[in-house]
C-alpha atoms as a PDB file:
ATOM      1  CA  UNK A   1      -9.123  30.022  97.104  1.00  0.00           C
ATOM      2  CA  UNK A   2      -6.806  33.003  97.107  1.00  0.00           C
ATOM      3  CA  UNK A   3      -7.527  35.842  94.677  1.00  0.00           C
ATOM      4  CA  UNK A   4      -5.033  38.276  93.196  1.00  0.00           C
ATOM      5  CA  UNK A   5      -6.086  41.243  91.061  1.00  0.00           C
ATOM      6  CA  UNK A   6      -3.473  42.589  88.679  1.00  0.00           C
ATOM      7  CA  UNK A   7      -4.342  46.132  87.656  1.00  0.00           C
ATOM      8  CA  UNK A   8      -2.261  48.355  85.415  1.00  0.00           C
ATOM      9  CA  UNK A   9      -2.130  52.010  86.415  1.00  0.00           C
ATOM     10  CA  UNK A  10      -0.489  54.820  84.546  1.00  0.00           C
ATOM     11  CA  UNK A  11      -0.890  57.842  82.333  1.00  0.00           C
ATOM     12  CA  UNK A  12      -2.526  55.842  79.501  1.00  0.00           C
ATOM     13  CA  UNK A  13       0.411  56.456  77.162  1.00  0.00           C
ATOM     14  CA  UNK A  14       0.794  52.697  77.039  1.00  0.00           C
ATOM     15  CA  UNK A  15      -1.972  50.136  77.128  1.00  0.00           C
ATOM     16  CA  UNK A  16      -1.550  46.601  78.499  1.00  0.00           C
ATOM     17  CA  UNK A  17      -2.505  43.651  76.346  1.00  0.00           C
ATOM     18  CA  UNK A  18      -6.081  42.403  76.456  1.00  0.00           C
ATOM     19  CA  UNK A  19      -5.254  39.301  74.417  1.00  0.00           C
ATOM     20  CA  UNK A  20      -6.125  36.218  76.447  1.00  0.00           C
ATOM     21  CA  UNK A  21      -3.117  34.254  75.143  1.00  0.00           C
ATOM     22  CA  UNK A  22      -0.722  37.047  76.168  1.00  0.00           C
ATOM     23  CA  UNK A  23      -2.223  37.252  79.640  1.00  0.00           C
ATOM     24  CA  UNK A  24      -2.181  33.474  79.973  1.00  0.00           C
ATOM     25  CA  UNK A  25       1.528  33.333  79.100  1.00  0.00           C
ATOM     26  CA  UNK A  26       2.324  36.140  81.547  1.00  0.00           C
ATOM     27  CA  UNK A  27       0.299  34.461  84.311  1.00  0.00           C
ATOM     28  CA  UNK A  28       1.999  31.101  83.882  1.00  0.00           C
ATOM     29  CA  UNK A  29       5.405  32.826  83.804  1.00  0.00           C
ATOM     30  CA  UNK A  30       4.693  34.785  87.000  1.00  0.00           C
ATOM     31  CA  UNK A  31       3.356  31.813  88.941  1.00  0.00           C
ATOM     32  CA  UNK A  32       5.521  28.960  87.615  1.00  0.00           C
ATOM     33  CA  UNK A  33       5.413  26.004  88.405  1.00  0.00           C
ATOM     34  CA  UNK A  34       1.639  26.401  88.819  1.00  0.00           C
ATOM     35  CA  UNK A  35      -0.377  25.864  85.637  1.00  0.00           C
ATOM     36  CA  UNK A  36      -3.634  27.360  84.439  1.00  0.00           C
ATOM     37  CA  UNK A  37      -6.471  24.889  84.894  1.00  0.00           C
ATOM     38  CA  UNK A  38      -9.306  27.215  83.851  1.00  0.00           C
ATOM     39  CA  UNK A  39     -10.137  30.697  82.653  1.00  0.00           C
ATOM     40  CA  UNK A  40     -13.161  32.926  82.134  1.00  0.00           C
ATOM     41  CA  UNK A  41     -13.314  35.738  79.575  1.00  0.00           C
ATOM     42  CA  UNK A  42     -16.095  38.088  80.738  1.00  0.00           C
ATOM     43  CA  UNK A  43     -16.773  39.844  77.399  1.00  0.00           C
ATOM     44  CA  UNK A  44     -17.370  36.594  75.477  1.00  0.00           C
ATOM     45  CA  UNK A  45     -18.264  34.135  78.295  1.00  0.00           C
ATOM     46  CA  UNK A  46     -15.589  31.892  76.775  1.00  0.00           C
ATOM     47  CA  UNK A  47     -14.127  29.530  79.364  1.00  0.00           C
ATOM     48  CA  UNK A  48     -12.617  26.126  80.041  1.00  0.00           C
ATOM     49  CA  UNK A  49     -15.655  23.926  80.674  1.00  0.00           C
ATOM     50  CA  UNK A  50     -15.125  20.331  81.821  1.00  0.00           C
ATOM     51  CA  UNK A  51     -18.776  19.497  81.137  1.00  0.00           C
ATOM     52  CA  UNK A  52     -18.544  20.629  77.502  1.00  0.00           C
ATOM     53  CA  UNK A  53     -15.407  18.546  77.005  1.00  0.00           C
ATOM     54  CA  UNK A  54     -17.509  15.470  77.806  1.00  0.00           C
ATOM     55  CA  UNK A  55     -20.341  16.504  75.480  1.00  0.00           C
ATOM     56  CA  UNK A  56     -22.661  17.708  78.229  1.00  0.00           C
ATOM     57  CA  UNK A  57     -24.501  21.014  78.424  1.00  0.00           C
ATOM     58  CA  UNK A  58     -22.478  23.840  79.950  1.00  0.00           C
ATOM     59  CA  UNK A  59     -24.061  24.812  83.306  1.00  0.00           C
ATOM     60  CA  UNK A  60     -22.058  28.034  83.677  1.00  0.00           C
ATOM     61  CA  UNK A  61     -23.844  30.216  81.147  1.00  0.00           C
ATOM     62  CA  UNK A  62     -27.411  29.383  82.198  1.00  0.00           C
ATOM     63  CA  UNK A  63     -29.511  32.246  83.608  1.00  0.00           C
ATOM     64  CA  UNK A  64     -29.124  33.055  87.323  1.00  0.00           C
ATOM     65  CA  UNK A  65     -32.489  31.537  88.325  1.00  0.00           C
ATOM     66  CA  UNK A  66     -32.017  28.253  86.435  1.00  0.00           C
ATOM     67  CA  UNK A  67     -31.819  25.187  88.723  1.00  0.00           C
ATOM     68  CA  UNK A  68     -29.087  23.662  86.537  1.00  0.00           C
ATOM     69  CA  UNK A  69     -26.783  26.663  86.812  1.00  0.00           C
ATOM     70  CA  UNK A  70     -23.438  26.022  88.501  1.00  0.00           C
ATOM     71  CA  UNK A  71     -21.089  28.847  89.417  1.00  0.00           C
ATOM     72  CA  UNK A  72     -17.815  28.589  87.491  1.00  0.00           C
ATOM     73  CA  UNK A  73     -15.776  29.211  90.632  1.00  0.00           C
ATOM     74  CA  UNK A  74     -17.323  26.099  92.188  1.00  0.00           C
ATOM     75  CA  UNK A  75     -16.410  24.043  89.122  1.00  0.00           C
ATOM     76  CA  UNK A  76     -12.770  25.140  88.954  1.00  0.00           C
ATOM     77  CA  UNK A  77     -12.265  24.449  92.649  1.00  0.00           C
ATOM     78  CA  UNK A  78     -14.067  21.101  92.752  1.00  0.00           C
ATOM     79  CA  UNK A  79     -13.339  19.610  89.309  1.00  0.00           C
ATOM     80  CA  UNK A  80     -10.110  21.311  88.248  1.00  0.00           C
ATOM     81  CA  UNK A  81      -8.399  21.686  91.661  1.00  0.00           C
ATOM     82  CA  UNK A  82      -7.779  25.430  91.319  1.00  0.00           C
ATOM     83  CA  UNK A  83      -6.194  27.154  94.311  1.00  0.00           C
ATOM     84  CA  UNK A  84      -5.360  30.617  92.936  1.00  0.00           C
ATOM     85  CA  UNK A  85      -7.576  33.085  91.048  1.00  0.00           C
ATOM     86  CA  UNK A  86      -5.852  35.806  88.991  1.00  0.00           C
ATOM     87  CA  UNK A  87      -8.048  38.635  87.693  1.00  0.00           C
ATOM     88  CA  UNK A  88      -7.019  41.225  85.090  1.00  0.00           C
ATOM     89  CA  UNK A  89      -9.748  43.900  85.385  1.00  0.00           C
ATOM     90  CA  UNK A  90      -8.582  45.922  82.364  1.00  0.00           C
ATOM     91  CA  UNK A  91      -9.226  42.892  80.101  1.00  0.00           C
ATOM     92  CA  UNK A  92     -12.040  41.396  82.214  1.00  0.00           C
ATOM     93  CA  UNK A  93     -10.281  38.007  82.189  1.00  0.00           C
ATOM     94  CA  UNK A  94      -9.930  35.538  85.062  1.00  0.00           C
ATOM     95  CA  UNK A  95      -7.385  32.712  85.288  1.00  0.00           C
ATOM     96  CA  UNK A  96      -7.467  29.844  87.760  1.00  0.00           C
ATOM     97  CA  UNK A  97      -4.255  28.030  88.653  1.00  0.00           C
ATOM     98  CA  UNK A  98      -3.632  24.699  90.284  1.00  0.00           C
END
């Protein structure tokens, strides 16, 4: 998977959005016709979880040593067919496109 980090530099007069919906819209506009298949919001651990959609326990938020833990990157590649990872470090948000 390719990774692209989009960082905003400047004199801090202006501040880029940290709203996930804004960043999602910008990402899909920049990389059209690709679509977002998953995301991870670091501050809240909110994410698109295929296991939760089917009523199963989310394996992504389990502690590091837990045998049931699955890395989210593995899930988005295997289950959601993601090929591009976009990271906005100022907002600590990751988007995965397929």
